[in-house]
């Protein structure tokens, strides 16, 4: 049973990364790689800033937040590879004055 859960988790991770690749090298969920980088300091694993920059908030305002929410949970492993804390990342839209979709709650 544990082996089946591990396999399912690995499959979900691969699917998440594949989905990101399908959305193009220019970014994920309506945010370019450069826009993601604007938000990284506030979601960093180590020494994060207290709040997102104004530029990060503008980028998040243009992003598909429902899509971003798909990266919550097991896909957080993928985010950590890029030194992003998934919980901090999911808090950024709220800190930017945006309303999170129901699938993020």
PDB file of N, CA and C in Angstrom:
ATOM      1  N   UNK A   1       0.822  -1.188   0.000  1.00  0.00           N
ATOM      2  CA  UNK A   1       0.000   0.000   0.000  1.00  0.00           C
ATOM      3  C   UNK A   1       0.869   1.256   0.000  1.00  0.00           C
ATOM      4  N   UNK A   2       1.918   1.276   0.844  1.00  0.00           N
ATOM      5  CA  UNK A   2       2.809   2.436   0.907  1.00  0.00           C
ATOM      6  C   UNK A   2       3.519   2.629  -0.428  1.00  0.00           C
ATOM      7  N   UNK A   3       3.842   1.513  -1.079  1.00  0.00           N
ATOM      8  CA  UNK A   3       4.505   1.586  -2.373  1.00  0.00           C
ATOM      9  C   UNK A   3       3.585   2.231  -3.406  1.00  0.00           C
ATOM     10  N   UNK A   4       2.306   1.904  -3.345  1.00  0.00           N
ATOM     11  CA  UNK A   4       1.326   2.489  -4.264  1.00  0.00           C
ATOM     12  C   UNK A   4       1.181   3.992  -4.031  1.00  0.00           C
ATOM     13  N   UNK A   5       1.186   4.422  -2.760  1.00  0.00           N
ATOM     14  CA  UNK A   5       1.093   5.850  -2.444  1.00  0.00           C
ATOM     15  C   UNK A   5       2.332   6.595  -2.940  1.00  0.00           C
ATOM     16  N   UNK A   6       3.504   5.992  -2.771  1.00  0.00           N
ATOM     17  CA  UNK A   6       4.745   6.614  -3.231  1.00  0.00           C
ATOM     18  C   UNK A   6       4.735   6.745  -4.746  1.00  0.00           C
ATOM     19  N   UNK A   7       4.254   5.710  -5.434  1.00  0.00           N
ATOM     20  CA  UNK A   7       4.171   5.748  -6.882  1.00  0.00           C
ATOM     21  C   UNK A   7       3.195   6.824  -7.339  1.00  0.00           C
ATOM     22  N   UNK A   8       2.056   6.925  -6.666  1.00  0.00           N
ATOM     23  CA  UNK A   8       1.063   7.946  -7.009  1.00  0.00           C
ATOM     24  C   UNK A   8       1.628   9.348  -6.790  1.00  0.00           C
ATOM     25  N   UNK A   9       2.355   9.546  -5.705  1.00  0.00           N
ATOM     26  CA  UNK A   9       2.956  10.849  -5.425  1.00  0.00           C
ATOM     27  C   UNK A   9       3.989  11.195  -6.486  1.00  0.00           C
ATOM     28  N   UNK A  10       4.809  10.224  -6.871  1.00  0.00           N
ATOM     29  CA  UNK A  10       5.816  10.458  -7.902  1.00  0.00           C
ATOM     30  C   UNK A  10       5.154  10.790  -9.237  1.00  0.00           C
ATOM     31  N   UNK A  11       4.085  10.091  -9.562  1.00  0.00           N
ATOM     32  CA  UNK A  11       3.355  10.343 -10.797  1.00  0.00           C
ATOM     33  C   UNK A  11       2.765  11.748 -10.795  1.00  0.00           C
ATOM     34  N   UNK A  12       2.204  12.176  -9.675  1.00  0.00           N
ATOM     35  CA  UNK A  12       1.644  13.521  -9.556  1.00  0.00           C
ATOM     36  C   UNK A  12       2.732  14.572  -9.761  1.00  0.00           C
ATOM     37  N   UNK A  13       3.886  14.340  -9.198  1.00  0.00           N
ATOM     38  CA  UNK A  13       4.995  15.277  -9.343  1.00  0.00           C
ATOM     39  C   UNK A  13       5.423  15.368 -10.805  1.00  0.00           C
ATOM     40  N   UNK A  14       5.560  14.219 -11.461  1.00  0.00           N
ATOM     41  CA  UNK A  14       5.956  14.203 -12.869  1.00  0.00           C
ATOM     42  C   UNK A  14       4.902  14.921 -13.711  1.00  0.00           C
ATOM     43  N   UNK A  15       3.640  14.690 -13.419  1.00  0.00           N
ATOM     44  CA  UNK A  15       2.566  15.355 -14.161  1.00  0.00           C
ATOM     45  C   UNK A  15       2.621  16.862 -13.957  1.00  0.00           C
ATOM     46  N   UNK A  16       2.899  17.306 -12.743  1.00  0.00           N
ATOM     47  CA  UNK A  16       2.975  18.739 -12.463  1.00  0.00           C
ATOM     48  C   UNK A  16       4.113  19.388 -13.230  1.00  0.00           C
ATOM     49  N   UNK A  17       5.263  18.732 -13.227  1.00  0.00           N
ATOM     50  CA  UNK A  17       6.414  19.267 -13.947  1.00  0.00           C
ATOM     51  C   UNK A  17       6.136  19.249 -15.448  1.00  0.00           C
ATOM     52  N   UNK A  18       5.502  18.190 -15.938  1.00  0.00           N
ATOM     53  CA  UNK A  18       5.159  18.111 -17.356  1.00  0.00           C
ATOM     54  C   UNK A  18       4.187  19.206 -17.736  1.00  0.00           C
ATOM     55  N   UNK A  19       3.212  19.475 -16.880  1.00  0.00           N
ATOM     56  CA  UNK A  19       2.251  20.541 -17.121  1.00  0.00           C
ATOM     57  C   UNK A  19       2.978  21.872 -17.219  1.00  0.00           C
ATOM     58  N   UNK A  20       3.921  22.085 -16.350  1.00  0.00           N
ATOM     59  CA  UNK A  20       4.701  23.320 -16.386  1.00  0.00           C
ATOM     60  C   UNK A  20       5.453  23.427 -17.707  1.00  0.00           C
ATOM     61  N   UNK A  21       6.010  22.321 -18.164  1.00  0.00           N
ATOM     62  CA  UNK A  21       6.753  22.327 -19.423  1.00  0.00           C
ATOM     63  C   UNK A  21       5.829  22.616 -20.598  1.00  0.00           C
ATOM     64  N   UNK A  22       4.615  22.078 -20.566  1.00  0.00           N
ATOM     65  CA  UNK A  22       3.652  22.324 -21.634  1.00  0.00           C
ATOM     66  C   UNK A  22       3.252  23.786 -21.722  1.00  0.00           C
ATOM     67  N   UNK A  23       3.303  24.486 -20.608  1.00  0.00           N
ATOM     68  CA  UNK A  23       2.913  25.887 -20.608  1.00  0.00           C
ATOM     69  C   UNK A  23       4.018  26.765 -21.175  1.00  0.00           C
ATOM     70  N   UNK A  24       5.135  26.169 -21.506  1.00  0.00           N
ATOM     71  CA  UNK A  24       6.174  26.895 -22.210  1.00  0.00           C
ATOM     72  C   UNK A  24       7.342  27.299 -21.344  1.00  0.00           C
ATOM     73  N   UNK A  25       8.426  27.556 -22.037  1.00  0.00           N
ATOM     74  CA  UNK A  25       9.640  27.958 -21.349  1.00  0.00           C
ATOM     75  C   UNK A  25       9.538  29.379 -20.823  1.00  0.00           C
ATOM     76  N   UNK A  26       8.496  30.071 -21.224  1.00  0.00           N
ATOM     77  CA  UNK A  26       8.337  31.462 -20.813  1.00  0.00           C
ATOM     78  C   UNK A  26       7.729  31.599 -19.437  1.00  0.00           C
ATOM     79  N   UNK A  27       7.348  30.512 -18.819  1.00  0.00           N
ATOM     80  CA  UNK A  27       6.792  30.590 -17.479  1.00  0.00           C
ATOM     81  C   UNK A  27       5.678  29.594 -17.258  1.00  0.00           C
ATOM     82  N   UNK A  28       4.990  29.815 -16.174  1.00  0.00           N
ATOM     83  CA  UNK A  28       3.921  28.915 -15.751  1.00  0.00           C
ATOM     84  C   UNK A  28       2.750  29.752 -15.256  1.00  0.00           C
ATOM     85  N   UNK A  29       1.561  29.326 -15.581  1.00  0.00           N
ATOM     86  CA  UNK A  29       0.327  29.914 -15.044  1.00  0.00           C
ATOM     87  C   UNK A  29       0.193  31.406 -15.349  1.00  0.00           C
ATOM     88  N   UNK A  30       0.652  31.804 -16.517  1.00  0.00           N
ATOM     89  CA  UNK A  30       0.509  33.197 -16.917  1.00  0.00           C
ATOM     90  C   UNK A  30       1.591  34.111 -16.374  1.00  0.00           C
ATOM     91  N   UNK A  31       2.575  33.549 -15.699  1.00  0.00           N
ATOM     92  CA  UNK A  31       3.700  34.343 -15.194  1.00  0.00           C
ATOM     93  C   UNK A  31       4.968  33.901 -15.910  1.00  0.00           C
ATOM     94  N   UNK A  32       5.725  34.865 -16.386  1.00  0.00           N
ATOM     95  CA  UNK A  32       6.998  34.542 -17.027  1.00  0.00           C
ATOM     96  C   UNK A  32       8.013  34.129 -15.958  1.00  0.00           C
ATOM     97  N   UNK A  33       9.097  33.554 -16.402  1.00  0.00           N
ATOM     98  CA  UNK A  33      10.158  33.197 -15.462  1.00  0.00           C
ATOM     99  C   UNK A  33      10.664  34.438 -14.729  1.00  0.00           C
ATOM    100  N   UNK A  34      10.767  35.544 -15.448  1.00  0.00           N
ATOM    101  CA  UNK A  34      11.224  36.784 -14.816  1.00  0.00           C
ATOM    102  C   UNK A  34      10.239  37.265 -13.756  1.00  0.00           C
ATOM    103  N   UNK A  35       8.932  37.087 -14.010  1.00  0.00           N
ATOM    104  CA  UNK A  35       7.926  37.489 -13.017  1.00  0.00           C
ATOM    105  C   UNK A  35       7.988  36.594 -11.782  1.00  0.00           C
ATOM    106  N   UNK A  36       8.222  35.298 -11.986  1.00  0.00           N
ATOM    107  CA  UNK A  36       8.398  34.409 -10.840  1.00  0.00           C
ATOM    108  C   UNK A  36       9.593  34.856  -9.999  1.00  0.00           C
ATOM    109  N   UNK A  37      10.652  35.250 -10.681  1.00  0.00           N
ATOM    110  CA  UNK A  37      11.858  35.698  -9.970  1.00  0.00           C
ATOM    111  C   UNK A  37      11.581  36.942  -9.130  1.00  0.00           C
ATOM    112  N   UNK A  38      10.648  37.789  -9.576  1.00  0.00           N
ATOM    113  CA  UNK A  38      10.290  38.978  -8.801  1.00  0.00           C
ATOM    114  C   UNK A  38       9.681  38.591  -7.449  1.00  0.00           C
ATOM    115  N   UNK A  39       9.030  37.434  -7.398  1.00  0.00           N
ATOM    116  CA  UNK A  39       8.348  36.995  -6.177  1.00  0.00           C
ATOM    117  C   UNK A  39       9.209  36.087  -5.311  1.00  0.00           C
ATOM    118  N   UNK A  40      10.290  35.568  -5.849  1.00  0.00           N
ATOM    119  CA  UNK A  40      11.118  34.608  -5.115  1.00  0.00           C
ATOM    120  C   UNK A  40      11.622  35.131  -3.773  1.00  0.00           C
ATOM    121  N   UNK A  41      12.063  36.397  -3.664  1.00  0.00           N
ATOM    122  CA  UNK A  41      12.576  36.850  -2.358  1.00  0.00           C
ATOM    123  C   UNK A  41      11.550  36.732  -1.224  1.00  0.00           C
ATOM    124  N   UNK A  42      10.280  36.938  -1.520  1.00  0.00           N
ATOM    125  CA  UNK A  42       9.245  36.869  -0.484  1.00  0.00           C
ATOM    126  C   UNK A  42       8.812  35.442  -0.183  1.00  0.00           C
ATOM    127  N   UNK A  43       9.183  34.494  -1.050  1.00  0.00           N
ATOM    128  CA  UNK A  43       8.796  33.093  -0.843  1.00  0.00           C
ATOM    129  C   UNK A  43      10.020  32.203  -0.651  1.00  0.00           C
ATOM    130  N   UNK A  44      11.159  32.817  -0.447  1.00  0.00           N
ATOM    131  CA  UNK A  44      12.410  32.069  -0.344  1.00  0.00           C
ATOM    132  C   UNK A  44      12.411  31.126   0.853  1.00  0.00           C
ATOM    133  N   UNK A  45      13.081  30.004   0.687  1.00  0.00           N
ATOM    134  CA  UNK A  45      13.239  29.043   1.774  1.00  0.00           C
ATOM    135  C   UNK A  45      14.049  29.679   2.905  1.00  0.00           C
ATOM    136  N   UNK A  46      15.116  30.374   2.541  1.00  0.00           N
ATOM    137  CA  UNK A  46      15.993  31.000   3.535  1.00  0.00           C
ATOM    138  C   UNK A  46      15.920  32.524   3.438  1.00  0.00           C
ATOM    139  N   UNK A  47      15.783  33.175   4.575  1.00  0.00           N
ATOM    140  CA  UNK A  47      15.797  34.632   4.675  1.00  0.00           C
ATOM    141  C   UNK A  47      14.806  35.338   3.746  1.00  0.00           C
ATOM    142  N   UNK A  48      13.533  34.970   3.793  1.00  0.00           N
ATOM    143  CA  UNK A  48      12.554  35.644   2.928  1.00  0.00           C
ATOM    144  C   UNK A  48      12.314  37.082   3.383  1.00  0.00           C
ATOM    145  N   UNK A  49      11.897  37.917   2.446  1.00  0.00           N
ATOM    146  CA  UNK A  49      11.495  39.272   2.799  1.00  0.00           C
ATOM    147  C   UNK A  49      10.133  39.198   3.493  1.00  0.00           C
ATOM    148  N   UNK A  50       9.774  40.242   4.221  1.00  0.00           N
ATOM    149  CA  UNK A  50       8.513  40.246   4.963  1.00  0.00           C
ATOM    150  C   UNK A  50       7.291  40.289   4.056  1.00  0.00           C
ATOM    151  N   UNK A  51       7.402  40.958   2.944  1.00  0.00           N
ATOM    152  CA  UNK A  51       6.260  41.069   2.046  1.00  0.00           C
ATOM    153  C   UNK A  51       6.747  41.116   0.605  1.00  0.00           C
ATOM    154  N   UNK A  52       5.854  40.788  -0.329  1.00  0.00           N
ATOM    155  CA  UNK A  52       6.245  40.803  -1.740  1.00  0.00           C
ATOM    156  C   UNK A  52       6.452  42.232  -2.234  1.00  0.00           C
ATOM    157  N   UNK A  53       7.288  42.372  -3.240  1.00  0.00           N
ATOM    158  CA  UNK A  53       7.519  43.680  -3.844  1.00  0.00           C
ATOM    159  C   UNK A  53       6.282  44.100  -4.639  1.00  0.00           C
ATOM    160  N   UNK A  54       6.198  45.381  -4.939  1.00  0.00           N
ATOM    161  CA  UNK A  54       5.092  45.884  -5.761  1.00  0.00           C
ATOM    162  C   UNK A  54       5.101  45.203  -7.129  1.00  0.00           C
ATOM    163  N   UNK A  55       6.296  44.961  -7.670  1.00  0.00           N
ATOM    164  CA  UNK A  55       6.418  44.301  -8.973  1.00  0.00           C
ATOM    165  C   UNK A  55       5.899  42.868  -8.920  1.00  0.00           C
ATOM    166  N   UNK A  56       6.170  42.184  -7.820  1.00  0.00           N
ATOM    167  CA  UNK A  56       5.659  40.824  -7.630  1.00  0.00           C
ATOM    168  C   UNK A  56       4.130  40.848  -7.602  1.00  0.00           C
ATOM    169  N   UNK A  57       3.572  41.794  -6.869  1.00  0.00           N
ATOM    170  CA  UNK A  57       2.106  41.880  -6.760  1.00  0.00           C
ATOM    171  C   UNK A  57       1.453  42.149  -8.114  1.00  0.00           C
ATOM    172  N   UNK A  58       2.090  42.993  -8.933  1.00  0.00           N
ATOM    173  CA  UNK A  58       1.568  43.254 -10.276  1.00  0.00           C
ATOM    174  C   UNK A  58       1.592  41.965 -11.094  1.00  0.00           C
ATOM    175  N   UNK A  59       2.696  41.226 -11.020  1.00  0.00           N
ATOM    176  CA  UNK A  59       2.821  39.961 -11.753  1.00  0.00           C
ATOM    177  C   UNK A  59       1.766  38.957 -11.295  1.00  0.00           C
ATOM    178  N   UNK A  60       1.559  38.868  -9.973  1.00  0.00           N
ATOM    179  CA  UNK A  60       0.547  37.948  -9.444  1.00  0.00           C
ATOM    180  C   UNK A  60      -0.853  38.352  -9.888  1.00  0.00           C
ATOM    181  N   UNK A  61      -1.077  39.644 -10.020  1.00  0.00           N
ATOM    182  CA  UNK A  61      -2.384  40.133 -10.470  1.00  0.00           C
ATOM    183  C   UNK A  61      -2.720  39.695 -11.884  1.00  0.00           C
ATOM    184  N   UNK A  62      -1.704  39.409 -12.694  1.00  0.00           N
ATOM    185  CA  UNK A  62      -1.914  38.957 -14.071  1.00  0.00           C
ATOM    186  C   UNK A  62      -1.901  37.431 -14.184  1.00  0.00           C
ATOM    187  N   UNK A  63      -1.505  36.758 -13.116  1.00  0.00           N
ATOM    188  CA  UNK A  63      -1.330  35.297 -13.143  1.00  0.00           C
ATOM    189  C   UNK A  63      -2.661  34.566 -13.006  1.00  0.00           C
ATOM    190  N   UNK A  64      -2.661  33.324 -13.426  1.00  0.00           N
ATOM    191  CA  UNK A  64      -3.796  32.421 -13.247  1.00  0.00           C
ATOM    192  C   UNK A  64      -3.623  31.765 -11.872  1.00  0.00           C
ATOM    193  N   UNK A  65      -4.272  32.331 -10.853  1.00  0.00           N
ATOM    194  CA  UNK A  65      -4.078  31.850  -9.485  1.00  0.00           C
ATOM    195  C   UNK A  65      -4.593  30.432  -9.290  1.00  0.00           C
ATOM    196  N   UNK A  66      -5.643  30.041  -9.993  1.00  0.00           N
ATOM    197  CA  UNK A  66      -6.128  28.657  -9.890  1.00  0.00           C
ATOM    198  C   UNK A  66      -5.062  27.683 -10.363  1.00  0.00           C
ATOM    199  N   UNK A  67      -4.368  28.063 -11.407  1.00  0.00           N
ATOM    200  CA  UNK A  67      -3.277  27.233 -11.924  1.00  0.00           C
ATOM    201  C   UNK A  67      -2.162  27.142 -10.893  1.00  0.00           C
ATOM    202  N   UNK A  68      -1.792  28.274 -10.305  1.00  0.00           N
ATOM    203  CA  UNK A  68      -0.725  28.282  -9.304  1.00  0.00           C
ATOM    204  C   UNK A  68      -1.082  27.382  -8.129  1.00  0.00           C
ATOM    205  N   UNK A  69      -2.354  27.347  -7.776  1.00  0.00           N
ATOM    206  CA  UNK A  69      -2.784  26.531  -6.642  1.00  0.00           C
ATOM    207  C   UNK A  69      -2.572  25.037  -6.870  1.00  0.00           C
ATOM    208  N   UNK A  70      -2.485  24.633  -8.130  1.00  0.00           N
ATOM    209  CA  UNK A  70      -2.224  23.216  -8.418  1.00  0.00           C
ATOM    210  C   UNK A  70      -0.855  22.788  -7.924  1.00  0.00           C
ATOM    211  N   UNK A  71       0.029  23.744  -7.685  1.00  0.00           N
ATOM    212  CA  UNK A  71       1.373  23.421  -7.231  1.00  0.00           C
ATOM    213  C   UNK A  71       1.451  23.270  -5.720  1.00  0.00           C
ATOM    214  N   UNK A  72       0.335  23.453  -5.062  1.00  0.00           N
ATOM    215  CA  UNK A  72       0.275  23.292  -3.604  1.00  0.00           C
ATOM    216  C   UNK A  72       0.348  21.797  -3.289  1.00  0.00           C
ATOM    217  N   UNK A  73       0.922  21.452  -2.170  1.00  0.00           N
ATOM    218  CA  UNK A  73       0.970  20.038  -1.767  1.00  0.00           C
ATOM    219  C   UNK A  73       2.212  19.345  -2.289  1.00  0.00           C
ATOM    220  N   UNK A  74       2.033  18.202  -2.926  1.00  0.00           N
ATOM    221  CA  UNK A  74       3.164  17.382  -3.354  1.00  0.00           C
ATOM    222  C   UNK A  74       4.057  18.122  -4.333  1.00  0.00           C
ATOM    223  N   UNK A  75       3.479  18.994  -5.133  1.00  0.00           N
ATOM    224  CA  UNK A  75       4.297  19.748  -6.076  1.00  0.00           C
ATOM    225  C   UNK A  75       5.192  20.749  -5.356  1.00  0.00           C
ATOM    226  N   UNK A  76       4.947  20.957  -4.057  1.00  0.00           N
ATOM    227  CA  UNK A  76       5.818  21.814  -3.261  1.00  0.00           C
ATOM    228  C   UNK A  76       7.250  21.314  -3.266  1.00  0.00           C
ATOM    229  N   UNK A  77       7.433  20.026  -3.496  1.00  0.00           N
ATOM    230  CA  UNK A  77       8.773  19.451  -3.607  1.00  0.00           C
ATOM    231  C   UNK A  77       9.493  20.087  -4.796  1.00  0.00           C
ATOM    232  N   UNK A  78       8.767  20.246  -5.892  1.00  0.00           N
ATOM    233  CA  UNK A  78       9.324  20.866  -7.094  1.00  0.00           C
ATOM    234  C   UNK A  78       9.704  22.316  -6.800  1.00  0.00           C
ATOM    235  N   UNK A  79       8.859  23.042  -6.058  1.00  0.00           N
ATOM    236  CA  UNK A  79       9.153  24.438  -5.729  1.00  0.00           C
ATOM    237  C   UNK A  79      10.410  24.558  -4.873  1.00  0.00           C
ATOM    238  N   UNK A  80      10.591  23.632  -3.935  1.00  0.00           N
ATOM    239  CA  UNK A  80      11.777  23.680  -3.064  1.00  0.00           C
ATOM    240  C   UNK A  80      13.064  23.543  -3.865  1.00  0.00           C
ATOM    241  N   UNK A  81      12.996  22.843  -4.980  1.00  0.00           N
ATOM    242  CA  UNK A  81      14.172  22.712  -5.844  1.00  0.00           C
ATOM    243  C   UNK A  81      14.657  24.096  -6.274  1.00  0.00           C
ATOM    244  N   UNK A  82      13.738  25.026  -6.388  1.00  0.00           N
ATOM    245  CA  UNK A  82      14.064  26.388  -6.784  1.00  0.00           C
ATOM    246  C   UNK A  82      14.131  27.331  -5.584  1.00  0.00           C
ATOM    247  N   UNK A  83      14.295  26.742  -4.399  1.00  0.00           N
ATOM    248  CA  UNK A  83      14.442  27.491  -3.142  1.00  0.00           C
ATOM    249  C   UNK A  83      13.217  28.344  -2.824  1.00  0.00           C
ATOM    250  N   UNK A  84      12.042  27.803  -3.150  1.00  0.00           N
ATOM    251  CA  UNK A  84      10.781  28.480  -2.861  1.00  0.00           C
ATOM    252  C   UNK A  84      10.015  27.647  -1.846  1.00  0.00           C
ATOM    253  N   UNK A  85       9.575  28.286  -0.774  1.00  0.00           N
ATOM    254  CA  UNK A  85       8.760  27.637   0.241  1.00  0.00           C
ATOM    255  C   UNK A  85       7.314  27.702  -0.243  1.00  0.00           C
ATOM    256  N   UNK A  86       6.688  26.542  -0.447  1.00  0.00           N
ATOM    257  CA  UNK A  86       5.335  26.489  -1.011  1.00  0.00           C
ATOM    258  C   UNK A  86       4.328  27.245  -0.153  1.00  0.00           C
ATOM    259  N   UNK A  87       4.416  27.136   1.163  1.00  0.00           N
ATOM    260  CA  UNK A  87       3.463  27.837   2.031  1.00  0.00           C
ATOM    261  C   UNK A  87       3.612  29.348   1.899  1.00  0.00           C
ATOM    262  N   UNK A  88       4.844  29.821   1.850  1.00  0.00           N
ATOM    263  CA  UNK A  88       5.066  31.262   1.660  1.00  0.00           C
ATOM    264  C   UNK A  88       4.569  31.703   0.289  1.00  0.00           C
ATOM    265  N   UNK A  89       4.832  30.887  -0.718  1.00  0.00           N
ATOM    266  CA  UNK A  89       4.400  31.231  -2.074  1.00  0.00           C
ATOM    267  C   UNK A  89       2.876  31.343  -2.158  1.00  0.00           C
ATOM    268  N   UNK A  90       2.176  30.421  -1.501  1.00  0.00           N
ATOM    269  CA  UNK A  90       0.713  30.452  -1.534  1.00  0.00           C
ATOM    270  C   UNK A  90       0.146  31.640  -0.754  1.00  0.00           C
ATOM    271  N   UNK A  91       0.934  32.218   0.134  1.00  0.00           N
ATOM    272  CA  UNK A  91       0.481  33.385   0.910  1.00  0.00           C
ATOM    273  C   UNK A  91       0.689  34.697   0.155  1.00  0.00           C
ATOM    274  N   UNK A  92       1.508  34.699  -0.892  1.00  0.00           N
ATOM    275  CA  UNK A  92       1.832  35.938  -1.587  1.00  0.00           C
ATOM    276  C   UNK A  92       0.632  36.650  -2.208  1.00  0.00           C
ATOM    277  N   UNK A  93      -0.286  35.951  -2.879  1.00  0.00           N
ATOM    278  CA  UNK A  93      -1.433  36.679  -3.433  1.00  0.00           C
ATOM    279  C   UNK A  93      -2.226  37.425  -2.358  1.00  0.00           C
ATOM    280  N   UNK A  94      -2.456  36.797  -1.228  1.00  0.00           N
ATOM    281  CA  UNK A  94      -3.173  37.465  -0.137  1.00  0.00           C
ATOM    282  C   UNK A  94      -2.421  38.675   0.370  1.00  0.00           C
ATOM    283  N   UNK A  95      -1.095  38.571   0.452  1.00  0.00           N
ATOM    284  CA  UNK A  95      -0.275  39.705   0.887  1.00  0.00           C
ATOM    285  C   UNK A  95      -0.261  40.812  -0.158  1.00  0.00           C
ATOM    286  N   UNK A  96      -0.642  40.466  -1.388  1.00  0.00           N
ATOM    287  CA  UNK A  96      -0.709  41.443  -2.473  1.00  0.00           C
ATOM    288  C   UNK A  96      -2.124  41.994  -2.644  1.00  0.00           C
ATOM    289  N   UNK A  97      -3.022  41.613  -1.742  1.00  0.00           N
ATOM    290  CA  UNK A  97      -4.396  42.111  -1.814  1.00  0.00           C
ATOM    291  C   UNK A  97      -5.276  41.376  -2.810  1.00  0.00           C
ATOM    292  N   UNK A  98      -4.861  40.192  -3.230  1.00  0.00           N
ATOM    293  CA  UNK A  98      -5.634  39.392  -4.182  1.00  0.00           C
ATOM    294  C   UNK A  98      -6.419  38.325  -3.433  1.00  0.00           C
ATOM    295  N   UNK A  99      -7.533  37.929  -3.987  1.00  0.00           N
ATOM    296  CA  UNK A  99      -8.360  36.887  -3.392  1.00  0.00           C
ATOM    297  C   UNK A  99      -7.961  35.537  -3.976  1.00  0.00           C
ATOM    298  N   UNK A 100      -7.685  34.597  -3.088  1.00  0.00           N
ATOM    299  CA  UNK A 100      -7.294  33.260  -3.537  1.00  0.00           C
ATOM    300  C   UNK A 100      -8.523  32.474  -3.982  1.00  0.00           C
ATOM    301  N   UNK A 101      -8.376  31.667  -5.035  1.00  0.00           N
ATOM    302  CA  UNK A 101      -9.469  30.796  -5.474  1.00  0.00           C
ATOM    303  C   UNK A 101      -9.792  29.748  -4.423  1.00  0.00           C
ATOM    304  N   UNK A 102     -10.983  29.203  -4.499  1.00  0.00           N
ATOM    305  CA  UNK A 102     -11.428  28.196  -3.517  1.00  0.00           C
ATOM    306  C   UNK A 102     -10.529  26.975  -3.476  1.00  0.00           C
ATOM    307  N   UNK A 103      -9.912  26.583  -4.591  1.00  0.00           N
ATOM    308  CA  UNK A 103      -9.076  25.376  -4.584  1.00  0.00           C
ATOM    309  C   UNK A 103      -7.765  25.582  -3.849  1.00  0.00           C
ATOM    310  N   UNK A 104      -7.515  26.795  -3.353  1.00  0.00           N
ATOM    311  CA  UNK A 104      -6.302  27.050  -2.585  1.00  0.00           C
ATOM    312  C   UNK A 104      -6.576  27.023  -1.083  1.00  0.00           C
ATOM    313  N   UNK A 105      -7.795  27.013  -0.704  1.00  0.00           N
ATOM    314  CA  UNK A 105      -8.119  27.106   0.722  1.00  0.00           C
ATOM    315  C   UNK A 105      -7.929  25.798   1.436  1.00  0.00           C
TER     316      UNK A 105
END
